[in-house]
N, C-alpha and C. Protein backbone atom coordinates (compact mmCIF):
# COMPACT_ATOMS: atom_id res chain seq x y z
N MET A 1 -4.09 5.86 -5.42
CA MET A 1 -2.71 6.19 -5.74
C MET A 1 -2.16 5.28 -6.84
N ASP A 2 -3.06 4.62 -7.58
CA ASP A 2 -2.60 3.64 -8.56
C ASP A 2 -2.01 4.29 -9.81
N ASN A 3 -2.01 5.64 -9.89
CA ASN A 3 -1.39 6.31 -11.02
C ASN A 3 0.05 6.71 -10.71
N ILE A 4 0.52 6.43 -9.49
CA ILE A 4 1.87 6.78 -9.10
C ILE A 4 2.80 5.62 -9.42
N LYS A 5 3.96 5.94 -9.99
CA LYS A 5 4.97 4.92 -10.25
C LYS A 5 6.24 5.28 -9.50
N ILE A 6 6.75 4.33 -8.76
CA ILE A 6 7.92 4.54 -7.91
C ILE A 6 9.00 3.54 -8.29
N ALA A 7 10.26 3.98 -8.31
CA ALA A 7 11.39 3.07 -8.46
C ALA A 7 11.84 2.62 -7.07
N VAL A 8 12.06 1.33 -6.92
CA VAL A 8 12.56 0.78 -5.67
C VAL A 8 13.99 0.29 -5.90
N ILE A 9 14.95 0.93 -5.22
CA ILE A 9 16.34 0.47 -5.28
C ILE A 9 16.65 -0.22 -3.95
N ALA A 10 17.20 -1.42 -4.03
CA ALA A 10 17.57 -2.14 -2.81
C ALA A 10 18.84 -2.96 -3.08
N GLY A 11 19.29 -3.68 -2.06
CA GLY A 11 20.57 -4.36 -2.15
C GLY A 11 20.55 -5.61 -3.01
N THR A 12 19.57 -6.49 -2.76
CA THR A 12 19.50 -7.77 -3.46
C THR A 12 18.13 -7.93 -4.12
N PRO A 13 17.97 -8.92 -5.00
CA PRO A 13 16.65 -9.15 -5.59
C PRO A 13 15.56 -9.42 -4.55
N VAL A 14 15.94 -10.03 -3.42
CA VAL A 14 14.94 -10.36 -2.40
C VAL A 14 14.39 -9.12 -1.72
N ASP A 15 15.26 -8.23 -1.20
CA ASP A 15 14.70 -7.05 -0.53
C ASP A 15 14.14 -6.06 -1.55
N THR A 16 14.62 -6.10 -2.79
CA THR A 16 13.99 -5.29 -3.83
C THR A 16 12.54 -5.73 -4.04
N LYS A 17 12.33 -7.03 -4.11
CA LYS A 17 10.97 -7.57 -4.26
C LYS A 17 10.11 -7.23 -3.04
N MET A 18 10.70 -7.30 -1.85
CA MET A 18 9.97 -6.92 -0.65
C MET A 18 9.45 -5.49 -0.76
N GLY A 19 10.31 -4.59 -1.25
CA GLY A 19 9.90 -3.19 -1.42
C GLY A 19 8.83 -3.02 -2.47
N VAL A 20 8.98 -3.71 -3.58
CA VAL A 20 7.98 -3.64 -4.66
C VAL A 20 6.65 -4.19 -4.17
N ASP A 21 6.68 -5.34 -3.47
CA ASP A 21 5.45 -5.95 -2.97
C ASP A 21 4.77 -5.04 -1.94
N PHE A 22 5.57 -4.41 -1.07
CA PHE A 22 5.02 -3.51 -0.05
C PHE A 22 4.25 -2.37 -0.70
N LEU A 23 4.85 -1.74 -1.71
CA LEU A 23 4.19 -0.62 -2.38
C LEU A 23 3.00 -1.07 -3.22
N SER A 24 3.12 -2.25 -3.83
CA SER A 24 2.03 -2.77 -4.64
C SER A 24 0.77 -2.98 -3.81
N LEU A 25 0.96 -3.44 -2.56
CA LEU A 25 -0.17 -3.62 -1.65
C LEU A 25 -0.83 -2.29 -1.29
N LYS A 26 -0.09 -1.19 -1.46
CA LYS A 26 -0.63 0.14 -1.19
C LYS A 26 -1.27 0.75 -2.45
N GLY A 27 -1.28 -0.01 -3.53
CA GLY A 27 -1.86 0.49 -4.77
C GLY A 27 -0.93 1.32 -5.61
N ILE A 28 0.39 1.19 -5.36
CA ILE A 28 1.38 1.97 -6.11
C ILE A 28 2.10 1.05 -7.09
N ILE A 29 2.25 1.51 -8.31
CA ILE A 29 3.02 0.76 -9.30
C ILE A 29 4.50 0.94 -8.98
N ALA A 30 5.22 -0.15 -8.79
CA ALA A 30 6.62 -0.07 -8.38
C ALA A 30 7.49 -0.89 -9.32
N GLN A 31 8.65 -0.33 -9.64
CA GLN A 31 9.63 -1.01 -10.50
C GLN A 31 10.90 -1.21 -9.68
N GLY A 32 11.40 -2.44 -9.62
CA GLY A 32 12.54 -2.76 -8.77
C GLY A 32 13.88 -2.74 -9.49
N TYR A 33 14.91 -2.33 -8.75
CA TYR A 33 16.28 -2.29 -9.25
C TYR A 33 17.21 -2.76 -8.14
N SER A 34 17.94 -3.85 -8.40
CA SER A 34 18.83 -4.43 -7.39
C SER A 34 20.28 -4.06 -7.67
N VAL A 35 21.01 -3.74 -6.61
CA VAL A 35 22.42 -3.37 -6.74
C VAL A 35 23.32 -4.60 -6.78
N SER A 36 22.95 -5.66 -6.01
CA SER A 36 23.80 -6.84 -5.87
C SER A 36 22.98 -8.11 -6.07
N THR A 37 23.67 -9.23 -6.12
CA THR A 37 22.98 -10.51 -6.33
C THR A 37 22.71 -11.25 -5.03
N CYS A 38 23.44 -10.92 -3.94
CA CYS A 38 23.29 -11.63 -2.67
C CYS A 38 23.74 -10.72 -1.53
N PRO A 39 23.36 -11.04 -0.28
CA PRO A 39 23.73 -10.19 0.85
C PRO A 39 25.24 -10.02 1.04
N GLU A 40 26.00 -11.09 0.82
CA GLU A 40 27.45 -11.01 1.01
C GLU A 40 28.08 -10.03 0.02
N GLU A 41 27.66 -10.12 -1.24
CA GLU A 41 28.16 -9.19 -2.26
C GLU A 41 27.75 -7.76 -1.93
N GLN A 42 26.50 -7.61 -1.50
CA GLN A 42 25.97 -6.30 -1.15
C GLN A 42 26.80 -5.66 -0.04
N SER A 43 27.05 -6.40 1.04
CA SER A 43 27.79 -5.87 2.18
C SER A 43 29.22 -5.52 1.78
N LYS A 44 29.83 -6.37 0.97
CA LYS A 44 31.22 -6.16 0.57
C LYS A 44 31.38 -4.88 -0.25
N ILE A 45 30.50 -4.67 -1.22
CA ILE A 45 30.62 -3.49 -2.07
C ILE A 45 30.30 -2.22 -1.28
N GLN A 46 29.37 -2.31 -0.34
CA GLN A 46 29.02 -1.14 0.46
C GLN A 46 30.18 -0.73 1.38
N ILE A 47 30.85 -1.68 1.96
CA ILE A 47 31.90 -1.39 2.93
C ILE A 47 33.24 -1.11 2.25
N LEU A 48 33.57 -1.88 1.21
CA LEU A 48 34.91 -1.82 0.61
C LEU A 48 35.00 -0.98 -0.66
N SER A 49 33.86 -0.79 -1.34
CA SER A 49 33.92 -0.13 -2.66
C SER A 49 32.82 0.93 -2.83
N PRO A 50 32.75 1.92 -1.93
CA PRO A 50 31.66 2.91 -2.02
C PRO A 50 31.70 3.74 -3.30
N ILE A 51 32.89 3.97 -3.87
CA ILE A 51 32.99 4.74 -5.11
C ILE A 51 32.37 3.96 -6.27
N VAL A 52 32.70 2.67 -6.33
CA VAL A 52 32.10 1.80 -7.35
C VAL A 52 30.58 1.74 -7.17
N LEU A 53 30.14 1.62 -5.92
CA LEU A 53 28.71 1.57 -5.63
C LEU A 53 28.01 2.84 -6.12
N ARG A 54 28.62 3.99 -5.88
CA ARG A 54 28.01 5.25 -6.30
C ARG A 54 27.87 5.30 -7.82
N LYS A 55 28.88 4.79 -8.53
CA LYS A 55 28.81 4.76 -10.00
C LYS A 55 27.68 3.85 -10.48
N ILE A 56 27.50 2.73 -9.79
CA ILE A 56 26.42 1.81 -10.13
C ILE A 56 25.07 2.51 -9.95
N LEU A 57 24.94 3.24 -8.85
CA LEU A 57 23.68 3.93 -8.55
C LEU A 57 23.40 5.04 -9.57
N ILE A 58 24.43 5.77 -9.97
CA ILE A 58 24.24 6.83 -10.96
C ILE A 58 23.73 6.25 -12.28
N LYS A 59 24.34 5.15 -12.70
CA LYS A 59 23.89 4.48 -13.94
C LYS A 59 22.44 4.01 -13.80
N MET A 60 22.11 3.48 -12.63
CA MET A 60 20.76 2.99 -12.37
C MET A 60 19.75 4.14 -12.39
N ILE A 61 20.12 5.24 -11.77
CA ILE A 61 19.21 6.40 -11.71
C ILE A 61 19.00 6.99 -13.10
N ASN A 62 20.03 7.02 -13.92
CA ASN A 62 19.85 7.49 -15.30
C ASN A 62 18.83 6.64 -16.04
N LYS A 63 18.88 5.33 -15.81
CA LYS A 63 17.90 4.43 -16.43
C LYS A 63 16.50 4.73 -15.90
N ILE A 64 16.38 4.95 -14.60
CA ILE A 64 15.09 5.24 -13.98
C ILE A 64 14.50 6.53 -14.56
N LYS A 65 15.33 7.56 -14.69
CA LYS A 65 14.87 8.82 -15.26
C LYS A 65 14.44 8.65 -16.71
N HIS A 66 15.17 7.83 -17.46
CA HIS A 66 14.81 7.55 -18.85
C HIS A 66 13.43 6.88 -18.94
N GLU A 67 13.08 6.12 -17.90
CA GLU A 67 11.79 5.45 -17.86
C GLU A 67 10.68 6.34 -17.28
N LYS A 68 10.98 7.64 -17.13
CA LYS A 68 10.00 8.66 -16.72
C LYS A 68 9.50 8.46 -15.29
N ILE A 69 10.35 7.93 -14.43
CA ILE A 69 10.01 7.80 -13.01
C ILE A 69 10.73 8.92 -12.27
N ASN A 70 10.01 9.66 -11.42
CA ASN A 70 10.64 10.82 -10.77
C ASN A 70 10.79 10.68 -9.26
N THR A 71 10.45 9.51 -8.70
CA THR A 71 10.62 9.28 -7.26
C THR A 71 11.22 7.90 -7.03
N ILE A 72 12.22 7.85 -6.16
CA ILE A 72 12.89 6.59 -5.82
C ILE A 72 12.75 6.35 -4.32
N ILE A 73 12.44 5.11 -3.96
CA ILE A 73 12.56 4.70 -2.56
C ILE A 73 13.75 3.75 -2.46
N VAL A 74 14.69 4.08 -1.58
CA VAL A 74 15.80 3.17 -1.31
C VAL A 74 15.35 2.24 -0.19
N TYR A 75 14.98 1.03 -0.57
CA TYR A 75 14.43 0.07 0.38
C TYR A 75 15.58 -0.75 0.98
N CYS A 76 16.51 -0.04 1.61
CA CYS A 76 17.70 -0.70 2.15
C CYS A 76 18.43 0.27 3.07
N ASN A 77 18.56 -0.08 4.34
CA ASN A 77 19.24 0.79 5.30
C ASN A 77 20.74 0.86 5.04
N SER A 78 21.36 -0.30 4.81
CA SER A 78 22.82 -0.31 4.66
C SER A 78 23.24 0.43 3.39
N LEU A 79 22.44 0.36 2.34
CA LEU A 79 22.72 1.11 1.12
C LEU A 79 22.61 2.61 1.39
N SER A 80 21.64 2.99 2.21
CA SER A 80 21.47 4.40 2.57
C SER A 80 22.65 4.91 3.38
N ALA A 81 23.29 4.01 4.15
CA ALA A 81 24.45 4.39 4.96
C ALA A 81 25.72 4.48 4.12
N ALA A 82 25.78 3.71 3.04
CA ALA A 82 27.01 3.61 2.25
C ALA A 82 27.20 4.78 1.30
N VAL A 83 26.10 5.38 0.85
CA VAL A 83 26.16 6.48 -0.13
C VAL A 83 25.29 7.63 0.38
N ASP A 84 25.77 8.87 0.23
CA ASP A 84 24.98 10.04 0.62
C ASP A 84 23.87 10.23 -0.40
N MET A 85 22.69 9.75 -0.06
CA MET A 85 21.58 9.78 -1.01
C MET A 85 21.03 11.19 -1.22
N ASP A 86 21.16 12.06 -0.23
CA ASP A 86 20.70 13.44 -0.41
C ASP A 86 21.55 14.16 -1.46
N LYS A 87 22.86 13.96 -1.40
CA LYS A 87 23.74 14.57 -2.41
C LYS A 87 23.47 13.97 -3.79
N LEU A 88 23.23 12.67 -3.82
CA LEU A 88 22.93 12.01 -5.09
C LEU A 88 21.62 12.52 -5.67
N SER A 89 20.65 12.75 -4.80
CA SER A 89 19.35 13.30 -5.22
C SER A 89 19.53 14.67 -5.86
N ASP A 90 20.34 15.52 -5.22
CA ASP A 90 20.59 16.86 -5.76
C ASP A 90 21.34 16.79 -7.09
N LYS A 91 22.34 15.92 -7.15
CA LYS A 91 23.16 15.80 -8.36
C LYS A 91 22.34 15.30 -9.55
N MET A 92 21.47 14.32 -9.28
CA MET A 92 20.72 13.66 -10.35
C MET A 92 19.34 14.30 -10.60
N HIS A 93 18.98 15.27 -9.78
CA HIS A 93 17.70 15.98 -9.92
C HIS A 93 16.52 15.01 -9.91
N ILE A 94 16.48 14.19 -8.88
CA ILE A 94 15.39 13.24 -8.70
C ILE A 94 15.12 13.07 -7.21
N ARG A 95 13.89 12.85 -6.85
CA ARG A 95 13.53 12.68 -5.44
C ARG A 95 13.91 11.27 -4.98
N ILE A 96 14.66 11.20 -3.87
CA ILE A 96 15.07 9.91 -3.30
C ILE A 96 14.65 9.88 -1.83
N ILE A 97 13.82 8.92 -1.48
CA ILE A 97 13.37 8.73 -0.10
C ILE A 97 14.09 7.52 0.48
N THR A 98 14.65 7.66 1.67
CA THR A 98 15.37 6.56 2.31
C THR A 98 14.89 6.37 3.74
N PRO A 99 15.21 5.24 4.36
CA PRO A 99 14.88 5.07 5.78
C PRO A 99 15.51 6.14 6.66
N PHE A 100 16.64 6.71 6.22
CA PHE A 100 17.31 7.73 7.04
C PHE A 100 16.46 8.98 7.19
N HIS A 101 15.61 9.28 6.20
CA HIS A 101 14.70 10.41 6.34
C HIS A 101 13.69 10.16 7.46
N VAL A 102 13.29 8.90 7.60
CA VAL A 102 12.38 8.53 8.69
C VAL A 102 13.07 8.74 10.04
N TYR A 103 14.33 8.31 10.16
CA TYR A 103 15.04 8.43 11.43
C TYR A 103 15.23 9.89 11.82
N LYS A 104 15.44 10.75 10.83
CA LYS A 104 15.53 12.19 11.13
C LYS A 104 14.22 12.71 11.71
N LYS A 105 13.11 12.22 11.16
CA LYS A 105 11.80 12.69 11.61
C LYS A 105 11.47 12.25 13.04
N ILE A 106 11.93 11.05 13.42
CA ILE A 106 11.56 10.51 14.74
C ILE A 106 12.62 10.74 15.80
N ALA A 107 13.78 11.28 15.41
CA ALA A 107 14.93 11.33 16.32
C ALA A 107 14.62 12.06 17.63
N ARG A 108 13.83 13.12 17.57
CA ARG A 108 13.55 13.89 18.78
C ARG A 108 12.54 13.21 19.70
N SER A 109 11.93 12.14 19.21
CA SER A 109 10.90 11.46 20.00
C SER A 109 11.47 10.47 21.02
N TYR A 110 12.76 10.12 20.88
CA TYR A 110 13.34 9.07 21.72
C TYR A 110 14.72 9.48 22.23
N ASN A 111 15.05 8.99 23.42
CA ASN A 111 16.38 9.25 23.99
C ASN A 111 17.24 7.99 24.10
N ASN A 112 16.61 6.82 23.99
CA ASN A 112 17.34 5.56 24.01
C ASN A 112 16.75 4.65 22.93
N VAL A 113 17.57 4.29 21.95
CA VAL A 113 17.08 3.57 20.78
C VAL A 113 17.91 2.30 20.58
N GLY A 114 17.23 1.17 20.45
CA GLY A 114 17.89 -0.06 20.04
C GLY A 114 17.73 -0.24 18.54
N VAL A 115 18.79 -0.69 17.88
CA VAL A 115 18.76 -0.84 16.43
C VAL A 115 19.29 -2.21 16.03
N LEU A 116 18.52 -2.94 15.22
CA LEU A 116 18.97 -4.20 14.64
C LEU A 116 19.24 -3.97 13.17
N THR A 117 20.47 -4.26 12.71
CA THR A 117 20.84 -3.97 11.34
C THR A 117 21.54 -5.16 10.69
N ALA A 118 21.77 -5.04 9.38
CA ALA A 118 22.45 -6.10 8.63
C ALA A 118 23.96 -6.05 8.81
N ASN A 119 24.51 -4.85 9.01
CA ASN A 119 25.94 -4.72 9.26
C ASN A 119 26.19 -3.48 10.11
N ASN A 120 27.39 -3.38 10.64
CA ASN A 120 27.66 -2.30 11.59
C ASN A 120 27.88 -0.96 10.91
N GLN A 121 28.16 -0.96 9.61
CA GLN A 121 28.17 0.30 8.88
C GLN A 121 26.78 0.93 8.91
N SER A 122 25.77 0.09 8.75
CA SER A 122 24.39 0.57 8.80
C SER A 122 24.06 1.09 10.20
N SER A 123 24.49 0.36 11.24
CA SER A 123 24.26 0.81 12.62
C SER A 123 24.88 2.19 12.84
N ALA A 124 26.12 2.36 12.36
CA ALA A 124 26.81 3.64 12.53
C ALA A 124 26.10 4.76 11.77
N GLY A 125 25.60 4.44 10.57
CA GLY A 125 24.90 5.44 9.79
C GLY A 125 23.61 5.89 10.45
N ILE A 126 22.87 4.94 11.02
CA ILE A 126 21.63 5.28 11.72
C ILE A 126 21.94 6.10 12.97
N GLU A 127 22.97 5.70 13.71
CA GLU A 127 23.37 6.46 14.90
C GLU A 127 23.72 7.90 14.52
N LYS A 128 24.47 8.07 13.45
CA LYS A 128 24.88 9.41 13.04
C LYS A 128 23.70 10.29 12.68
N VAL A 129 22.79 9.75 11.87
CA VAL A 129 21.67 10.58 11.41
C VAL A 129 20.73 10.93 12.57
N ILE A 130 20.58 10.03 13.54
CA ILE A 130 19.75 10.32 14.71
C ILE A 130 20.41 11.37 15.59
N GLN A 131 21.73 11.22 15.82
CA GLN A 131 22.41 12.13 16.74
C GLN A 131 22.64 13.50 16.15
N ILE A 132 22.63 13.63 14.82
CA ILE A 132 22.68 14.96 14.21
C ILE A 132 21.45 15.77 14.63
N VAL A 133 20.31 15.09 14.69
CA VAL A 133 19.06 15.75 15.08
C VAL A 133 18.93 15.82 16.60
N ASN A 134 19.32 14.76 17.28
CA ASN A 134 19.16 14.67 18.74
C ASN A 134 20.46 14.15 19.36
N PRO A 135 21.42 15.04 19.63
CA PRO A 135 22.73 14.63 20.15
C PRO A 135 22.66 13.86 21.46
N ASN A 136 21.57 14.00 22.18
CA ASN A 136 21.45 13.33 23.48
C ASN A 136 20.88 11.92 23.38
N CYS A 137 20.53 11.51 22.17
CA CYS A 137 19.95 10.17 22.00
C CYS A 137 21.04 9.11 22.05
N ASN A 138 20.81 8.08 22.84
CA ASN A 138 21.73 6.96 22.98
C ASN A 138 21.28 5.85 22.03
N VAL A 139 22.12 5.49 21.05
CA VAL A 139 21.78 4.49 20.04
C VAL A 139 22.61 3.24 20.27
N ILE A 140 21.93 2.11 20.51
CA ILE A 140 22.62 0.85 20.77
C ILE A 140 22.32 -0.09 19.60
N GLY A 141 23.32 -0.27 18.73
CA GLY A 141 23.11 -1.03 17.51
C GLY A 141 23.78 -2.38 17.50
N ILE A 142 23.13 -3.34 16.84
CA ILE A 142 23.67 -4.69 16.66
C ILE A 142 23.51 -5.06 15.19
N GLY A 143 24.62 -5.41 14.52
CA GLY A 143 24.57 -5.77 13.11
C GLY A 143 24.91 -7.23 12.89
N MET A 144 24.07 -7.95 12.15
CA MET A 144 24.29 -9.37 11.88
C MET A 144 23.87 -9.71 10.45
N LEU A 145 24.84 -9.76 9.55
CA LEU A 145 24.55 -10.08 8.15
C LEU A 145 24.01 -11.49 7.98
N ALA A 146 24.43 -12.40 8.86
CA ALA A 146 24.01 -13.81 8.73
C ALA A 146 22.49 -13.96 8.84
N ILE A 147 21.84 -13.06 9.56
CA ILE A 147 20.38 -13.10 9.66
C ILE A 147 19.76 -12.85 8.29
N VAL A 148 20.30 -11.86 7.58
CA VAL A 148 19.80 -11.54 6.25
C VAL A 148 19.97 -12.73 5.31
N VAL A 149 21.12 -13.37 5.40
CA VAL A 149 21.39 -14.54 4.55
C VAL A 149 20.33 -15.62 4.78
N ASP A 150 20.01 -15.88 6.05
CA ASP A 150 19.02 -16.91 6.36
C ASP A 150 17.61 -16.51 5.94
N ILE A 151 17.29 -15.24 6.04
CA ILE A 151 15.98 -14.77 5.57
C ILE A 151 15.86 -15.01 4.07
N GLU A 152 16.92 -14.72 3.34
CA GLU A 152 16.89 -14.91 1.89
C GLU A 152 16.82 -16.39 1.52
N LYS A 153 17.27 -17.26 2.41
CA LYS A 153 17.16 -18.70 2.18
C LYS A 153 15.75 -19.22 2.46
N GLY A 154 14.90 -18.37 3.06
CA GLY A 154 13.54 -18.78 3.36
C GLY A 154 13.39 -19.54 4.66
N ILE A 155 14.40 -19.50 5.52
CA ILE A 155 14.31 -20.15 6.83
C ILE A 155 13.26 -19.44 7.67
N THR A 156 12.48 -20.17 8.42
CA THR A 156 11.37 -19.58 9.17
C THR A 156 11.86 -18.59 10.21
N SER A 157 11.00 -17.63 10.51
CA SER A 157 11.36 -16.61 11.50
C SER A 157 11.62 -17.24 12.87
N GLU A 158 10.85 -18.27 13.23
CA GLU A 158 11.06 -18.94 14.53
C GLU A 158 12.46 -19.53 14.61
N LYS A 159 12.89 -20.20 13.56
CA LYS A 159 14.22 -20.82 13.57
C LYS A 159 15.33 -19.78 13.58
N ILE A 160 15.13 -18.69 12.86
CA ILE A 160 16.15 -17.63 12.83
C ILE A 160 16.30 -16.98 14.20
N VAL A 161 15.18 -16.68 14.83
CA VAL A 161 15.22 -16.07 16.16
C VAL A 161 15.91 -16.99 17.16
N GLU A 162 15.64 -18.28 17.05
CA GLU A 162 16.28 -19.25 17.95
C GLU A 162 17.78 -19.37 17.63
N LYS A 163 18.13 -19.48 16.37
CA LYS A 163 19.52 -19.68 15.95
C LYS A 163 20.42 -18.55 16.41
N PHE A 164 19.96 -17.33 16.30
CA PHE A 164 20.78 -16.17 16.62
C PHE A 164 20.47 -15.57 18.00
N ALA A 165 19.73 -16.32 18.81
CA ALA A 165 19.41 -15.89 20.18
C ALA A 165 18.82 -14.47 20.20
N LEU A 166 17.95 -14.20 19.24
CA LEU A 166 17.39 -12.85 19.16
C LEU A 166 16.43 -12.55 20.30
N GLY A 167 15.87 -13.61 20.90
CA GLY A 167 15.07 -13.39 22.11
C GLY A 167 15.92 -12.77 23.21
N SER A 168 17.17 -13.23 23.33
CA SER A 168 18.09 -12.68 24.32
C SER A 168 18.50 -11.25 23.96
N VAL A 169 18.65 -10.99 22.66
CA VAL A 169 18.97 -9.63 22.21
C VAL A 169 17.85 -8.68 22.58
N ILE A 170 16.62 -9.10 22.31
CA ILE A 170 15.47 -8.24 22.66
C ILE A 170 15.36 -8.08 24.17
N ASN A 171 15.64 -9.15 24.91
CA ASN A 171 15.61 -9.04 26.37
C ASN A 171 16.67 -8.06 26.88
N PHE A 172 17.83 -8.04 26.22
CA PHE A 172 18.86 -7.04 26.55
C PHE A 172 18.30 -5.63 26.40
N TYR A 173 17.58 -5.40 25.31
CA TYR A 173 16.95 -4.08 25.12
C TYR A 173 15.89 -3.82 26.18
N ASN A 174 15.18 -4.88 26.61
CA ASN A 174 14.21 -4.73 27.71
C ASN A 174 14.92 -4.28 28.98
N ILE A 175 16.04 -4.92 29.28
CA ILE A 175 16.76 -4.65 30.54
C ILE A 175 17.30 -3.22 30.58
N ILE A 176 17.85 -2.76 29.45
CA ILE A 176 18.42 -1.40 29.46
C ILE A 176 17.37 -0.33 29.15
N LYS A 177 16.12 -0.79 28.94
CA LYS A 177 14.97 0.11 28.83
C LYS A 177 15.08 1.10 27.66
N VAL A 178 15.30 0.57 26.45
CA VAL A 178 15.25 1.46 25.29
C VAL A 178 13.80 1.90 25.07
N ASP A 179 13.64 3.03 24.41
CA ASP A 179 12.30 3.57 24.14
C ASP A 179 11.65 2.92 22.93
N VAL A 180 12.48 2.49 21.99
CA VAL A 180 11.98 1.90 20.74
C VAL A 180 13.08 1.01 20.17
N ILE A 181 12.66 -0.02 19.44
CA ILE A 181 13.60 -0.87 18.71
C ILE A 181 13.36 -0.65 17.23
N ILE A 182 14.39 -0.22 16.52
CA ILE A 182 14.27 0.04 15.08
C ILE A 182 14.73 -1.19 14.31
N LEU A 183 13.90 -1.64 13.39
CA LEU A 183 14.32 -2.68 12.45
C LEU A 183 15.12 -1.98 11.35
N GLY A 184 16.43 -1.87 11.57
CA GLY A 184 17.29 -1.10 10.68
C GLY A 184 17.76 -1.89 9.47
N CYS A 185 16.93 -2.80 9.01
CA CYS A 185 17.19 -3.56 7.78
C CYS A 185 15.83 -3.92 7.20
N THR A 186 15.65 -3.68 5.92
CA THR A 186 14.33 -3.92 5.32
C THR A 186 13.99 -5.40 5.20
N HIS A 187 14.95 -6.29 5.47
CA HIS A 187 14.63 -7.71 5.57
C HIS A 187 13.94 -8.05 6.89
N PHE A 188 14.19 -7.25 7.92
CA PHE A 188 13.84 -7.67 9.28
C PHE A 188 12.36 -7.64 9.65
N PRO A 189 11.48 -6.93 8.93
CA PRO A 189 10.05 -7.09 9.21
C PRO A 189 9.59 -8.55 9.10
N TYR A 190 10.33 -9.35 8.38
CA TYR A 190 10.09 -10.80 8.29
C TYR A 190 10.06 -11.43 9.68
N LEU A 191 10.80 -10.82 10.62
CA LEU A 191 10.91 -11.35 11.99
C LEU A 191 9.99 -10.64 12.98
N TYR A 192 9.25 -9.66 12.52
CA TYR A 192 8.52 -8.76 13.42
C TYR A 192 7.64 -9.51 14.41
N ASN A 193 6.76 -10.36 13.92
CA ASN A 193 5.80 -11.04 14.80
C ASN A 193 6.49 -11.91 15.84
N GLU A 194 7.60 -12.53 15.43
CA GLU A 194 8.33 -13.38 16.37
C GLU A 194 9.04 -12.54 17.42
N LEU A 195 9.63 -11.42 17.02
CA LEU A 195 10.33 -10.55 17.97
C LEU A 195 9.37 -9.92 18.97
N LYS A 196 8.15 -9.62 18.53
CA LYS A 196 7.17 -8.98 19.43
C LYS A 196 6.80 -9.88 20.60
N LYS A 197 7.03 -11.16 20.47
CA LYS A 197 6.72 -12.08 21.58
C LYS A 197 7.62 -11.82 22.80
N TYR A 198 8.73 -11.13 22.58
CA TYR A 198 9.73 -10.96 23.64
C TYR A 198 9.71 -9.58 24.28
N THR A 199 8.81 -8.70 23.82
CA THR A 199 8.88 -7.33 24.34
C THR A 199 7.55 -6.59 24.17
N SER A 200 7.37 -5.60 25.04
CA SER A 200 6.26 -4.65 24.87
C SER A 200 6.78 -3.32 24.33
N ILE A 201 8.09 -3.23 24.12
CA ILE A 201 8.69 -2.03 23.55
C ILE A 201 8.23 -1.90 22.09
N PRO A 202 7.88 -0.70 21.64
CA PRO A 202 7.50 -0.53 20.23
C PRO A 202 8.64 -0.95 19.30
N ILE A 203 8.30 -1.67 18.24
CA ILE A 203 9.26 -2.06 17.21
C ILE A 203 8.90 -1.30 15.94
N LEU A 204 9.84 -0.51 15.45
CA LEU A 204 9.57 0.39 14.32
C LEU A 204 10.09 -0.19 13.01
N ASP A 205 9.18 -0.33 12.03
CA ASP A 205 9.52 -0.67 10.66
C ASP A 205 9.41 0.62 9.85
N PRO A 206 10.53 1.16 9.32
CA PRO A 206 10.46 2.47 8.65
C PRO A 206 9.69 2.47 7.33
N ALA A 207 9.35 1.30 6.80
CA ALA A 207 8.69 1.25 5.49
C ALA A 207 7.38 2.04 5.47
N GLU A 208 6.57 1.89 6.52
CA GLU A 208 5.28 2.59 6.56
C GLU A 208 5.47 4.11 6.54
N LEU A 209 6.49 4.59 7.25
CA LEU A 209 6.72 6.03 7.29
C LEU A 209 7.31 6.53 5.98
N MET A 210 8.12 5.69 5.30
CA MET A 210 8.59 6.09 3.96
C MET A 210 7.42 6.20 3.01
N TYR A 211 6.48 5.26 3.12
CA TYR A 211 5.29 5.30 2.26
C TYR A 211 4.54 6.61 2.45
N LYS A 212 4.41 7.06 3.69
CA LYS A 212 3.68 8.29 3.98
C LYS A 212 4.39 9.52 3.39
N MET A 213 5.69 9.39 3.13
CA MET A 213 6.45 10.53 2.57
C MET A 213 6.27 10.66 1.06
N ILE A 214 5.73 9.62 0.42
CA ILE A 214 5.58 9.66 -1.06
C ILE A 214 4.61 10.79 -1.45
């Protein structure tokens, strides 16, 4: 697949690089495009200025099309929640794959879902897209932007899990018996191995399923 070129749009330079590196390991040429400079700026523009954000994305997509790239992966859950990417895809005549497409595909497989996200707008967006497909699915979301900030600082996964009591969060999901825990932020695979120590519940990283959609 080394002849395929994909544009990766994400919130900050860090998760943009994560997306580019993920695809590069799969043998795909990837070009990154960041919307914001840091998690705080990213969250603020997504929640408070969605119209401005949409204009930024349109300008970015025009540049991507000029560079002869015809497929985009949005490597960011909260960005996918802030802007209707399907409408943007139709308007701009370009294929856009997001984590939300993955959630639509798996929604009928689960009735109780735990979600860890960067902010609660993202949690609400994931809940909505799942319940559109499966109205009976119970989605329990927790959003913590501070985790993303610490990941971008390079703090170890062990220290982050301890600092934010994520072992207790995962144990809460154990107690209420969710069917799956979704890493609803593309930064959070950084914590995957540490979180798995606290549960036998499947932990879903949507990146692999987005890759399969290319």
